[in-house]
Amino acid sequence: MCCSTGLCGNDIDPALVSFAALLQQLSQKGVTVERFNLSQQPMAFVQNPAVKAFLDKDGVEVLPLIFVGGEVHAKGRYPTDAEREALASAALDETDGVLP
């Protein structure tokens, strides 16, 4: 990805657009959202033991890795509609928030 959101270029994955919208909603609800881009922030991947272990074992094909509360909720792909709903619930449970 050339930018931090990944929402650039001519062929944007609709699942990525939906996921980016979910992250924005969660952030607006007070959920701490951290998103890292391997090409722009490689040290974040190396310094996180769980992420480093996945990368060492499976390579970059394991990305994206999606964690909520320290647990992996998805790897190697962006979540489906139903999975995004579950991710939102899990993330909001961490902060006792509610999505509209």
PDB file of N, CA and C in Angstrom:
ATOM      1  N   MET A   1       0.835  -1.180   0.000  1.00  0.00           N
ATOM      2  CA  MET A   1       0.000   0.000   0.000  1.00  0.00           C
ATOM      3  C   MET A   1       0.878   1.240   0.000  1.00  0.00           C
ATOM      4  N   CYS A   2       0.435   2.217  -0.712  1.00  0.00           N
ATOM      5  CA  CYS A   2       1.230   3.431  -0.815  1.00  0.00           C
ATOM      6  C   CYS A   2       0.869   4.469   0.243  1.00  0.00           C
ATOM      7  N   CYS A   3      -0.267   4.305   0.889  1.00  0.00           N
ATOM      8  CA  CYS A   3      -0.681   5.269   1.906  1.00  0.00           C
ATOM      9  C   CYS A   3      -1.135   4.527   3.165  1.00  0.00           C
ATOM     10  N   SER A   4      -1.320   5.245   4.227  1.00  0.00           N
ATOM     11  CA  SER A   4      -1.646   4.608   5.510  1.00  0.00           C
ATOM     12  C   SER A   4      -3.007   3.919   5.511  1.00  0.00           C
ATOM     13  N   THR A   5      -3.936   4.395   4.703  1.00  0.00           N
ATOM     14  CA  THR A   5      -5.269   3.794   4.685  1.00  0.00           C
ATOM     15  C   THR A   5      -5.388   2.638   3.713  1.00  0.00           C
ATOM     16  N   GLY A   6      -4.535   2.623   2.687  1.00  0.00           N
ATOM     17  CA  GLY A   6      -4.653   1.611   1.649  1.00  0.00           C
ATOM     18  C   GLY A   6      -5.736   1.935   0.644  1.00  0.00           C
ATOM     19  N   LEU A   7      -6.399   3.065   0.834  1.00  0.00           N
ATOM     20  CA  LEU A   7      -7.496   3.460  -0.055  1.00  0.00           C
ATOM     21  C   LEU A   7      -6.979   4.404  -1.128  1.00  0.00           C
ATOM     22  N   CYS A   8      -6.140   3.858  -1.982  1.00  0.00           N
ATOM     23  CA  CYS A   8      -5.576   4.654  -3.059  1.00  0.00           C
ATOM     24  C   CYS A   8      -5.378   3.755  -4.272  1.00  0.00           C
ATOM     25  N   GLY A   9      -5.145   4.364  -5.404  1.00  0.00           N
ATOM     26  CA  GLY A   9      -4.947   3.574  -6.616  1.00  0.00           C
ATOM     27  C   GLY A   9      -6.245   3.373  -7.365  1.00  0.00           C
ATOM     28  N   ASN A  10      -6.167   2.566  -8.427  1.00  0.00           N
ATOM     29  CA  ASN A  10      -7.314   2.368  -9.307  1.00  0.00           C
ATOM     30  C   ASN A  10      -8.165   1.164  -8.946  1.00  0.00           C
ATOM     31  N   ASP A  11      -7.615   0.213  -8.216  1.00  0.00           N
ATOM     32  CA  ASP A  11      -8.315  -1.046  -7.945  1.00  0.00           C
ATOM     33  C   ASP A  11      -8.451  -1.244  -6.435  1.00  0.00           C
ATOM     34  N   ILE A  12      -9.376  -0.535  -5.825  1.00  0.00           N
ATOM     35  CA  ILE A  12      -9.553  -0.575  -4.373  1.00  0.00           C
ATOM     36  C   ILE A  12     -10.498  -1.705  -4.006  1.00  0.00           C
ATOM     37  N   ASP A  13     -10.066  -2.552  -3.078  1.00  0.00           N
ATOM     38  CA  ASP A  13     -10.861  -3.676  -2.597  1.00  0.00           C
ATOM     39  C   ASP A  13     -12.043  -3.138  -1.782  1.00  0.00           C
ATOM     40  N   PRO A  14     -13.296  -3.459  -2.155  1.00  0.00           N
ATOM     41  CA  PRO A  14     -14.463  -2.981  -1.405  1.00  0.00           C
ATOM     42  C   PRO A  14     -14.434  -3.413   0.064  1.00  0.00           C
ATOM     43  N   ALA A  15     -13.864  -4.573   0.362  1.00  0.00           N
ATOM     44  CA  ALA A  15     -13.765  -5.021   1.753  1.00  0.00           C
ATOM     45  C   ALA A  15     -12.868  -4.081   2.549  1.00  0.00           C
ATOM     46  N   LEU A  16     -11.836  -3.543   1.900  1.00  0.00           N
ATOM     47  CA  LEU A  16     -10.946  -2.593   2.557  1.00  0.00           C
ATOM     48  C   LEU A  16     -11.669  -1.283   2.837  1.00  0.00           C
ATOM     49  N   VAL A  17     -12.493  -0.849   1.918  1.00  0.00           N
ATOM     50  CA  VAL A  17     -13.273   0.379   2.110  1.00  0.00           C
ATOM     51  C   VAL A  17     -14.209   0.211   3.310  1.00  0.00           C
ATOM     52  N   SER A  18     -14.911  -0.919   3.370  1.00  0.00           N
ATOM     53  CA  SER A  18     -15.825  -1.182   4.490  1.00  0.00           C
ATOM     54  C   SER A  18     -15.066  -1.283   5.806  1.00  0.00           C
ATOM     55  N   PHE A  19     -13.904  -1.915   5.768  1.00  0.00           N
ATOM     56  CA  PHE A  19     -13.107  -2.051   6.984  1.00  0.00           C
ATOM     57  C   PHE A  19     -12.596  -0.690   7.453  1.00  0.00           C
ATOM     58  N   ALA A  20     -12.143   0.141   6.529  1.00  0.00           N
ATOM     59  CA  ALA A  20     -11.681   1.486   6.886  1.00  0.00           C
ATOM     60  C   ALA A  20     -12.817   2.296   7.507  1.00  0.00           C
ATOM     61  N   ALA A  21     -14.030   2.148   6.973  1.00  0.00           N
ATOM     62  CA  ALA A  21     -15.197   2.845   7.534  1.00  0.00           C
ATOM     63  C   ALA A  21     -15.475   2.357   8.955  1.00  0.00           C
ATOM     64  N   LEU A  22     -15.354   1.041   9.182  1.00  0.00           N
ATOM     65  CA  LEU A  22     -15.557   0.497  10.521  1.00  0.00           C
ATOM     66  C   LEU A  22     -14.533   1.076  11.493  1.00  0.00           C
ATOM     67  N   LEU A  23     -13.282   1.129  11.088  1.00  0.00           N
ATOM     68  CA  LEU A  23     -12.241   1.681  11.965  1.00  0.00           C
ATOM     69  C   LEU A  23     -12.532   3.130  12.316  1.00  0.00           C
ATOM     70  N   GLN A  24     -13.022   3.881  11.340  1.00  0.00           N
ATOM     71  CA  GLN A  24     -13.373   5.283  11.590  1.00  0.00           C
ATOM     72  C   GLN A  24     -14.525   5.381  12.593  1.00  0.00           C
ATOM     73  N   GLN A  25     -15.545   4.539  12.427  1.00  0.00           N
ATOM     74  CA  GLN A  25     -16.676   4.533  13.370  1.00  0.00           C
ATOM     75  C   GLN A  25     -16.207   4.192  14.777  1.00  0.00           C
ATOM     76  N   LEU A  26     -15.387   3.173  14.884  1.00  0.00           N
ATOM     77  CA  LEU A  26     -14.901   2.758  16.197  1.00  0.00           C
ATOM     78  C   LEU A  26     -14.085   3.862  16.847  1.00  0.00           C
ATOM     79  N   SER A  27     -13.244   4.499  16.070  1.00  0.00           N
ATOM     80  CA  SER A  27     -12.435   5.596  16.590  1.00  0.00           C
ATOM     81  C   SER A  27     -13.316   6.735  17.095  1.00  0.00           C
ATOM     82  N   GLN A  28     -14.369   7.050  16.346  1.00  0.00           N
ATOM     83  CA  GLN A  28     -15.286   8.114  16.764  1.00  0.00           C
ATOM     84  C   GLN A  28     -16.046   7.758  18.034  1.00  0.00           C
ATOM     85  N   LYS A  29     -16.174   6.459  18.312  1.00  0.00           N
ATOM     86  CA  LYS A  29     -16.861   6.000  19.523  1.00  0.00           C
ATOM     87  C   LYS A  29     -15.904   5.860  20.704  1.00  0.00           C
ATOM     88  N   GLY A  30     -14.644   6.254  20.513  1.00  0.00           N
ATOM     89  CA  GLY A  30     -13.698   6.226  21.614  1.00  0.00           C
ATOM     90  C   GLY A  30     -12.849   4.968  21.698  1.00  0.00           C
ATOM     91  N   VAL A  31     -12.981   4.079  20.731  1.00  0.00           N
ATOM     92  CA  VAL A  31     -12.159   2.876  20.711  1.00  0.00           C
ATOM     93  C   VAL A  31     -10.781   3.255  20.169  1.00  0.00           C
ATOM     94  N   THR A  32      -9.736   2.835  20.853  1.00  0.00           N
ATOM     95  CA  THR A  32      -8.386   3.082  20.372  1.00  0.00           C
ATOM     96  C   THR A  32      -8.122   2.166  19.186  1.00  0.00           C
ATOM     97  N   VAL A  33      -7.876   2.760  18.047  1.00  0.00           N
ATOM     98  CA  VAL A  33      -7.625   2.016  16.818  1.00  0.00           C
ATOM     99  C   VAL A  33      -6.211   2.339  16.361  1.00  0.00           C
ATOM    100  N   GLU A  34      -5.408   1.305  16.180  1.00  0.00           N
ATOM    101  CA  GLU A  34      -4.069   1.492  15.649  1.00  0.00           C
ATOM    102  C   GLU A  34      -3.958   0.678  14.372  1.00  0.00           C
ATOM    103  N   ARG A  35      -3.483   1.324  13.341  1.00  0.00           N
ATOM    104  CA  ARG A  35      -3.335   0.657  12.051  1.00  0.00           C
ATOM    105  C   ARG A  35      -1.919   0.919  11.559  1.00  0.00           C
ATOM    106  N   PHE A  36      -1.253  -0.153  11.149  1.00  0.00           N
ATOM    107  CA  PHE A  36       0.131  -0.035  10.722  1.00  0.00           C
ATOM    108  C   PHE A  36       0.286  -0.533   9.293  1.00  0.00           C
ATOM    109  N   ASN A  37       1.155   0.108   8.565  1.00  0.00           N
ATOM    110  CA  ASN A  37       1.439  -0.226   7.177  1.00  0.00           C
ATOM    111  C   ASN A  37       2.871  -0.736   7.114  1.00  0.00           C
ATOM    112  N   LEU A  38       3.061  -1.948   6.627  1.00  0.00           N
ATOM    113  CA  LEU A  38       4.380  -2.575   6.599  1.00  0.00           C
ATOM    114  C   LEU A  38       5.399  -1.737   5.844  1.00  0.00           C
ATOM    115  N   SER A  39       4.994  -1.146   4.740  1.00  0.00           N
ATOM    116  CA  SER A  39       5.954  -0.368   3.955  1.00  0.00           C
ATOM    117  C   SER A  39       6.320   0.956   4.618  1.00  0.00           C
ATOM    118  N   GLN A  40       5.442   1.489   5.449  1.00  0.00           N
ATOM    119  CA  GLN A  40       5.701   2.777   6.082  1.00  0.00           C
ATOM    120  C   GLN A  40       6.155   2.661   7.532  1.00  0.00           C
ATOM    121  N   GLN A  41       5.803   1.561   8.217  1.00  0.00           N
ATOM    122  CA  GLN A  41       6.131   1.402   9.635  1.00  0.00           C
ATOM    123  C   GLN A  41       6.653  -0.008   9.921  1.00  0.00           C
ATOM    124  N   PRO A  42       7.720  -0.432   9.272  1.00  0.00           N
ATOM    125  CA  PRO A  42       8.189  -1.811   9.432  1.00  0.00           C
ATOM    126  C   PRO A  42       8.574  -2.171  10.872  1.00  0.00           C
ATOM    127  N   MET A  43       9.063  -1.230  11.632  1.00  0.00           N
ATOM    128  CA  MET A  43       9.482  -1.539  13.004  1.00  0.00           C
ATOM    129  C   MET A  43       8.299  -1.921  13.890  1.00  0.00           C
ATOM    130  N   ALA A  44       7.126  -1.403  13.606  1.00  0.00           N
ATOM    131  CA  ALA A  44       5.944  -1.770  14.391  1.00  0.00           C
ATOM    132  C   ALA A  44       5.664  -3.266  14.253  1.00  0.00           C
ATOM    133  N   PHE A  45       5.958  -3.834  13.094  1.00  0.00           N
ATOM    134  CA  PHE A  45       5.729  -5.258  12.846  1.00  0.00           C
ATOM    135  C   PHE A  45       6.796  -6.106  13.533  1.00  0.00           C
ATOM    136  N   VAL A  46       8.010  -5.618  13.548  1.00  0.00           N
ATOM    137  CA  VAL A  46       9.123  -6.349  14.161  1.00  0.00           C
ATOM    138  C   VAL A  46       9.046  -6.289  15.687  1.00  0.00           C
ATOM    139  N   GLN A  47       8.588  -5.170  16.210  1.00  0.00           N
ATOM    140  CA  GLN A  47       8.570  -4.975  17.660  1.00  0.00           C
ATOM    141  C   GLN A  47       7.383  -5.617  18.356  1.00  0.00           C
ATOM    142  N   ASN A  48       6.388  -6.059  17.609  1.00  0.00           N
ATOM    143  CA  ASN A  48       5.244  -6.736  18.211  1.00  0.00           C
ATOM    144  C   ASN A  48       5.495  -8.237  18.125  1.00  0.00           C
ATOM    145  N   PRO A  49       5.716  -8.911  19.273  1.00  0.00           N
ATOM    146  CA  PRO A  49       6.074 -10.338  19.246  1.00  0.00           C
ATOM    147  C   PRO A  49       5.053 -11.232  18.537  1.00  0.00           C
ATOM    148  N   ALA A  50       3.777 -10.965  18.715  1.00  0.00           N
ATOM    149  CA  ALA A  50       2.750 -11.797  18.077  1.00  0.00           C
ATOM    150  C   ALA A  50       2.785 -11.621  16.562  1.00  0.00           C
ATOM    151  N   VAL A  51       2.878 -10.387  16.106  1.00  0.00           N
ATOM    152  CA  VAL A  51       2.921 -10.110  14.670  1.00  0.00           C
ATOM    153  C   VAL A  51       4.195 -10.695  14.069  1.00  0.00           C
ATOM    154  N   LYS A  52       5.316 -10.496  14.751  1.00  0.00           N
ATOM    155  CA  LYS A  52       6.590 -11.029  14.261  1.00  0.00           C
ATOM    156  C   LYS A  52       6.526 -12.549  14.125  1.00  0.00           C
ATOM    157  N   ALA A  53       5.915 -13.229  15.087  1.00  0.00           N
ATOM    158  CA  ALA A  53       5.804 -14.689  15.026  1.00  0.00           C
ATOM    159  C   ALA A  53       4.980 -15.126  13.815  1.00  0.00           C
ATOM    160  N   PHE A  54       3.864 -14.430  13.547  1.00  0.00           N
ATOM    161  CA  PHE A  54       3.053 -14.749  12.371  1.00  0.00           C
ATOM    162  C   PHE A  54       3.851 -14.530  11.086  1.00  0.00           C
ATOM    163  N   LEU A  55       4.567 -13.415  11.013  1.00  0.00           N
ATOM    164  CA  LEU A  55       5.352 -13.111   9.818  1.00  0.00           C
ATOM    165  C   LEU A  55       6.477 -14.120   9.622  1.00  0.00           C
ATOM    166  N   ASP A  56       7.141 -14.505  10.716  1.00  0.00           N
ATOM    167  CA  ASP A  56       8.218 -15.489  10.624  1.00  0.00           C
ATOM    168  C   ASP A  56       7.696 -16.829  10.132  1.00  0.00           C
ATOM    169  N   LYS A  57       6.511 -17.191  10.578  1.00  0.00           N
ATOM    170  CA  LYS A  57       5.934 -18.493  10.221  1.00  0.00           C
ATOM    171  C   LYS A  57       5.326 -18.500   8.822  1.00  0.00           C
ATOM    172  N   ASP A  58       4.534 -17.470   8.494  1.00  0.00           N
ATOM    173  CA  ASP A  58       3.729 -17.476   7.273  1.00  0.00           C
ATOM    174  C   ASP A  58       4.104 -16.416   6.246  1.00  0.00           C
ATOM    175  N   GLY A  59       5.017 -15.520   6.579  1.00  0.00           N
ATOM    176  CA  GLY A  59       5.387 -14.457   5.652  1.00  0.00           C
ATOM    177  C   GLY A  59       4.312 -13.385   5.560  1.00  0.00           C
ATOM    178  N   VAL A  60       4.484 -12.482   4.620  1.00  0.00           N
ATOM    179  CA  VAL A  60       3.570 -11.340   4.508  1.00  0.00           C
ATOM    180  C   VAL A  60       2.175 -11.736   4.040  1.00  0.00           C
ATOM    181  N   GLU A  61       2.009 -12.969   3.575  1.00  0.00           N
ATOM    182  CA  GLU A  61       0.683 -13.430   3.167  1.00  0.00           C
ATOM    183  C   GLU A  61      -0.294 -13.460   4.338  1.00  0.00           C
ATOM    184  N   VAL A  62       0.232 -13.439   5.580  1.00  0.00           N
ATOM    185  CA  VAL A  62      -0.609 -13.454   6.773  1.00  0.00           C
ATOM    186  C   VAL A  62      -1.271 -12.085   7.012  1.00  0.00           C
ATOM    187  N   LEU A  63      -0.784 -11.061   6.325  1.00  0.00           N
ATOM    188  CA  LEU A  63      -1.339  -9.719   6.485  1.00  0.00           C
ATOM    189  C   LEU A  63      -2.568  -9.545   5.605  1.00  0.00           C
ATOM    190  N   PRO A  64      -3.548  -8.806   6.032  1.00  0.00           N
ATOM    191  CA  PRO A  64      -3.599  -8.065   7.280  1.00  0.00           C
ATOM    192  C   PRO A  64      -3.884  -8.982   8.470  1.00  0.00           C
ATOM    193  N   LEU A  65      -3.340  -8.588   9.606  1.00  0.00           N
ATOM    194  CA  LEU A  65      -3.643  -9.220  10.898  1.00  0.00           C
ATOM    195  C   LEU A  65      -4.521  -8.252  11.662  1.00  0.00           C
ATOM    196  N   ILE A  66      -5.623  -8.742  12.181  1.00  0.00           N
ATOM    197  CA  ILE A  66      -6.553  -7.883  12.906  1.00  0.00           C
ATOM    198  C   ILE A  66      -6.680  -8.403  14.326  1.00  0.00           C
ATOM    199  N   PHE A  67      -6.280  -7.560  15.263  1.00  0.00           N
ATOM    200  CA  PHE A  67      -6.324  -7.896  16.686  1.00  0.00           C
ATOM    201  C   PHE A  67      -7.379  -7.050  17.374  1.00  0.00           C
ATOM    202  N   VAL A  68      -8.064  -7.654  18.320  1.00  0.00           N
ATOM    203  CA  VAL A  68      -8.951  -6.916  19.224  1.00  0.00           C
ATOM    204  C   VAL A  68      -8.644  -7.438  20.619  1.00  0.00           C
ATOM    205  N   GLY A  69      -8.257  -6.536  21.503  1.00  0.00           N
ATOM    206  CA  GLY A  69      -7.937  -6.939  22.866  1.00  0.00           C
ATOM    207  C   GLY A  69      -6.815  -7.958  22.934  1.00  0.00           C
ATOM    208  N   GLY A  70      -5.860  -7.861  22.002  1.00  0.00           N
ATOM    209  CA  GLY A  70      -4.719  -8.765  22.005  1.00  0.00           C
ATOM    210  C   GLY A  70      -4.958 -10.107  21.337  1.00  0.00           C
ATOM    211  N   GLU A  71      -6.183 -10.372  20.887  1.00  0.00           N
ATOM    212  CA  GLU A  71      -6.508 -11.639  20.226  1.00  0.00           C
ATOM    213  C   GLU A  71      -6.661 -11.431  18.725  1.00  0.00           C
ATOM    214  N   VAL A  72      -6.189 -12.399  17.949  1.00  0.00           N
ATOM    215  CA  VAL A  72      -6.321 -12.332  16.499  1.00  0.00           C
ATOM    216  C   VAL A  72      -7.762 -12.656  16.112  1.00  0.00           C
ATOM    217  N   HIS A  73      -8.355 -11.756  15.355  1.00  0.00           N
ATOM    218  CA  HIS A  73      -9.726 -11.964  14.880  1.00  0.00           C
ATOM    219  C   HIS A  73      -9.775 -12.262  13.389  1.00  0.00           C
ATOM    220  N   ALA A  74      -8.738 -11.913  12.665  1.00  0.00           N
ATOM    221  CA  ALA A  74      -8.667 -12.227  11.236  1.00  0.00           C
ATOM    222  C   ALA A  74      -7.216 -12.149  10.806  1.00  0.00           C
ATOM    223  N   LYS A  75      -6.860 -12.982   9.837  1.00  0.00           N
ATOM    224  CA  LYS A  75      -5.510 -12.909   9.288  1.00  0.00           C
ATOM    225  C   LYS A  75      -5.528 -13.268   7.810  1.00  0.00           C
ATOM    226  N   GLY A  76      -4.712 -12.550   7.055  1.00  0.00           N
ATOM    227  CA  GLY A  76      -4.559 -12.816   5.642  1.00  0.00           C
ATOM    228  C   GLY A  76      -5.660 -12.284   4.749  1.00  0.00           C
ATOM    229  N   ARG A  77      -6.622 -11.571   5.324  1.00  0.00           N
ATOM    230  CA  ARG A  77      -7.738 -11.027   4.542  1.00  0.00           C
ATOM    231  C   ARG A  77      -8.485 -10.013   5.400  1.00  0.00           C
ATOM    232  N   TYR A  78      -9.281  -9.212   4.729  1.00  0.00           N
ATOM    233  CA  TYR A  78     -10.141  -8.291   5.462  1.00  0.00           C
ATOM    234  C   TYR A  78     -11.421  -9.020   5.840  1.00  0.00           C
ATOM    235  N   PRO A  79     -12.028  -8.656   6.958  1.00  0.00           N
ATOM    236  CA  PRO A  79     -13.218  -9.374   7.429  1.00  0.00           C
ATOM    237  C   PRO A  79     -14.436  -9.166   6.542  1.00  0.00           C
ATOM    238  N   THR A  80     -15.306 -10.181   6.549  1.00  0.00           N
ATOM    239  CA  THR A  80     -16.587 -10.112   5.842  1.00  0.00           C
ATOM    240  C   THR A  80     -17.530  -9.179   6.608  1.00  0.00           C
ATOM    241  N   ASP A  81     -18.708  -8.946   6.044  1.00  0.00           N
ATOM    242  CA  ASP A  81     -19.707  -8.099   6.718  1.00  0.00           C
ATOM    243  C   ASP A  81     -20.024  -8.636   8.115  1.00  0.00           C
ATOM    244  N   ALA A  82     -20.309  -9.928   8.205  1.00  0.00           N
ATOM    245  CA  ALA A  82     -20.655 -10.530   9.497  1.00  0.00           C
ATOM    246  C   ALA A  82     -19.473 -10.456  10.466  1.00  0.00           C
ATOM    247  N   GLU A  83     -18.271 -10.678   9.961  1.00  0.00           N
ATOM    248  CA  GLU A  83     -17.088 -10.602  10.823  1.00  0.00           C
ATOM    249  C   GLU A  83     -16.842  -9.172  11.294  1.00  0.00           C
ATOM    250  N   ARG A  84     -17.107  -8.180  10.433  1.00  0.00           N
ATOM    251  CA  ARG A  84     -16.942  -6.776  10.854  1.00  0.00           C
ATOM    252  C   ARG A  84     -17.894  -6.457  11.992  1.00  0.00           C
ATOM    253  N   GLU A  85     -19.104  -6.979  11.919  1.00  0.00           N
ATOM    254  CA  GLU A  85     -20.071  -6.762  12.995  1.00  0.00           C
ATOM    255  C   GLU A  85     -19.554  -7.366  14.304  1.00  0.00           C
ATOM    256  N   ALA A  86     -19.017  -8.569  14.239  1.00  0.00           N
ATOM    257  CA  ALA A  86     -18.465  -9.220  15.426  1.00  0.00           C
ATOM    258  C   ALA A  86     -17.242  -8.470  15.949  1.00  0.00           C
ATOM    259  N   LEU A  87     -16.405  -7.977  15.043  1.00  0.00           N
ATOM    260  CA  LEU A  87     -15.235  -7.192  15.449  1.00  0.00           C
ATOM    261  C   LEU A  87     -15.662  -5.910  16.161  1.00  0.00           C
ATOM    262  N   ALA A  88     -16.675  -5.253  15.606  1.00  0.00           N
ATOM    263  CA  ALA A  88     -17.165  -4.028  16.230  1.00  0.00           C
ATOM    264  C   ALA A  88     -17.675  -4.321  17.629  1.00  0.00           C
ATOM    265  N   SER A  89     -18.422  -5.382  17.781  1.00  0.00           N
ATOM    266  CA  SER A  89     -18.942  -5.743  19.107  1.00  0.00           C
ATOM    267  C   SER A  89     -17.811  -6.037  20.075  1.00  0.00           C
ATOM    268  N   ALA A  90     -16.832  -6.790  19.617  1.00  0.00           N
ATOM    269  CA  ALA A  90     -15.693  -7.125  20.481  1.00  0.00           C
ATOM    270  C   ALA A  90     -14.912  -5.877  20.862  1.00  0.00           C
ATOM    271  N   ALA A  91     -14.684  -4.995  19.909  1.00  0.00           N
ATOM    272  CA  ALA A  91     -13.940  -3.765  20.185  1.00  0.00           C
ATOM    273  C   ALA A  91     -14.719  -2.870  21.134  1.00  0.00           C
ATOM    274  N   LEU A  92     -16.020  -2.780  20.944  1.00  0.00           N
ATOM    275  CA  LEU A  92     -16.840  -1.941  21.815  1.00  0.00           C
ATOM    276  C   LEU A  92     -16.941  -2.541  23.213  1.00  0.00           C
ATOM    277  N   ASP A  93     -16.942  -3.857  23.310  1.00  0.00           N
ATOM    278  CA  ASP A  93     -16.934  -4.499  24.624  1.00  0.00           C
ATOM    279  C   ASP A  93     -15.687  -4.108  25.410  1.00  0.00           C
ATOM    280  N   GLU A  94     -14.591  -3.909  24.694  1.00  0.00           N
ATOM    281  CA  GLU A  94     -13.341  -3.491  25.338  1.00  0.00           C
ATOM    282  C   GLU A  94     -13.468  -2.107  25.959  1.00  0.00           C
ATOM    283  N   THR A  95     -14.351  -1.267  25.383  1.00  0.00           N
ATOM    284  CA  THR A  95     -14.484   0.117  25.851  1.00  0.00           C
ATOM    285  C   THR A  95     -15.862   0.440  26.402  1.00  0.00           C
ATOM    286  N   ASP A  96     -16.759  -0.570  26.442  1.00  0.00           N
ATOM    287  CA  ASP A  96     -18.124  -0.367  26.895  1.00  0.00           C
ATOM    288  C   ASP A  96     -18.872   0.672  26.061  1.00  0.00           C
ATOM    289  N   GLY A  97     -18.563   0.715  24.760  1.00  0.00           N
ATOM    290  CA  GLY A  97     -19.224   1.641  23.863  1.00  0.00           C
ATOM    291  C   GLY A  97     -20.339   0.961  23.096  1.00  0.00           C
ATOM    292  N   VAL A  98     -21.035   1.742  22.307  1.00  0.00           N
ATOM    293  CA  VAL A  98     -22.133   1.215  21.493  1.00  0.00           C
ATOM    294  C   VAL A  98     -22.099   1.915  20.141  1.00  0.00           C
ATOM    295  N   LEU A  99     -22.203   1.141  19.071  1.00  0.00           N
ATOM    296  CA  LEU A  99     -22.301   1.747  17.739  1.00  0.00           C
ATOM    297  C   LEU A  99     -23.747   2.129  17.471  1.00  0.00           C
ATOM    298  N   PRO A 100     -23.957   3.179  16.678  1.00  0.00           N
ATOM    299  CA  PRO A 100     -25.328   3.575  16.353  1.00  0.00           C
ATOM    300  C   PRO A 100     -26.030   2.529  15.514  1.00  0.00           C
TER     301      PRO A 100
END
